[in-house]
Protein backbone atom coordinates (compact mmCIF):
# COMPACT_ATOMS: atom_id res chain seq x y z
CA MET A 1 -7.71 2.03 -2.73
CA LYS A 2 -4.82 3.72 -0.46
CA ILE A 3 -2.15 1.59 0.61
CA LYS A 4 0.32 2.60 4.12
CA ILE A 5 3.50 1.23 3.78
CA GLY A 6 5.54 0.75 6.88
CA LEU A 7 9.16 0.54 6.41
CA ARG A 8 12.24 -0.82 8.18
CA GLN A 9 14.24 1.56 10.33
CA ASN A 10 12.21 4.28 9.49
CA SER A 11 9.65 6.26 11.30
CA GLN A 12 7.38 7.67 8.56
CA GLU A 13 4.94 5.60 6.15
CA LEU A 14 4.42 5.93 2.41
CA VAL A 15 1.05 6.31 1.37
CA VAL A 16 0.20 5.14 -2.27
CA GLU A 17 -3.20 5.12 -4.03
CA THR A 18 -3.80 2.77 -6.67
CA GLU A 19 -6.77 1.02 -8.60
CA LYS A 20 -5.58 -2.51 -7.52
CA ASP A 21 -7.63 -4.66 -5.63
CA ALA A 22 -6.73 -5.75 -2.37
CA GLN A 23 -6.59 -9.71 -3.49
CA ALA A 24 -4.03 -8.60 -6.49
CA LEU A 25 -2.11 -6.77 -3.83
CA ALA A 26 -2.10 -9.64 -1.61
CA GLN A 27 -0.74 -11.74 -4.40
CA GLN A 28 1.94 -9.59 -5.42
CA VAL A 29 3.27 -8.92 -2.01
CA SER A 30 3.84 -12.27 -0.58
CA ALA A 31 5.48 -13.02 -4.16
CA ALA A 32 7.70 -10.05 -3.63
CA ALA A 33 8.66 -11.24 -0.16
CA LYS A 34 9.04 -14.97 -0.91
CA GLU A 35 11.86 -13.85 -3.64
CA LEU A 36 12.98 -10.81 -2.24
CA GLN A 37 12.24 -8.62 -5.35
CA THR A 38 11.16 -5.16 -5.21
CA LEU A 39 7.47 -4.28 -5.34
CA VAL A 40 6.25 -1.44 -7.74
CA PHE A 41 3.38 0.52 -6.75
CA GLU A 42 1.60 2.43 -9.70
CA SER A 43 0.30 5.53 -7.84
CA GLU A 44 -2.33 7.73 -9.10
CA LYS A 45 -0.63 10.87 -7.99
CA HIS A 46 2.93 9.99 -7.37
CA GLY A 47 3.77 7.60 -10.62
CA THR A 48 5.63 5.00 -9.99
CA VAL A 49 6.68 3.94 -6.28
CA LEU A 50 9.21 1.03 -6.03
CA VAL A 51 9.83 -0.49 -2.30
CA PRO A 52 12.27 -3.48 -1.57
CA ALA A 53 10.21 -6.32 -0.23
CA ASN A 54 12.97 -7.09 2.49
CA GLY A 55 12.52 -3.63 3.78
CA ILE A 56 8.77 -3.71 4.29
CA ALA A 57 7.74 -3.52 8.11
CA TYR A 58 3.89 -3.50 7.52
CA LEU A 59 1.53 -2.80 4.57
CA GLN A 60 -2.38 -1.69 5.51
CA VAL A 61 -4.94 -1.41 2.71
CA VAL A 62 -7.53 1.28 3.34
CA THR A 63 -10.75 0.89 1.30
CA ASP A 64 -12.70 4.15 0.37
CA GLU A 65 -15.49 4.62 2.22
CA PRO A 66 -17.99 7.26 1.31
CA ARG A 67 -17.94 9.99 3.79
CA LYS A 68 -20.64 10.60 6.05
CA VAL A 69 -22.62 14.16 6.15
CA GLY A 70 -24.34 15.40 8.99
CA PHE A 71 -24.95 14.88 12.60
CA GLY A 72 -26.03 11.28 12.42
CA LEU A 73 -24.78 8.78 15.10
């Protein structure tokens, strides 16, 4: 699963690929936001990514979809 993280006062977004499911991720983010903790994401490609919860502007979860082949509509 791919996670896109928008940070406050920054025009770029972080992209992290992880094995966590969306429900576990939502619980982790809401718990960290309540207590102003640092979120820790284990990325398959980039190792560990640390993000302060109060610096997150948005978080988008992109599920893996199979790629379509051909010219079908």
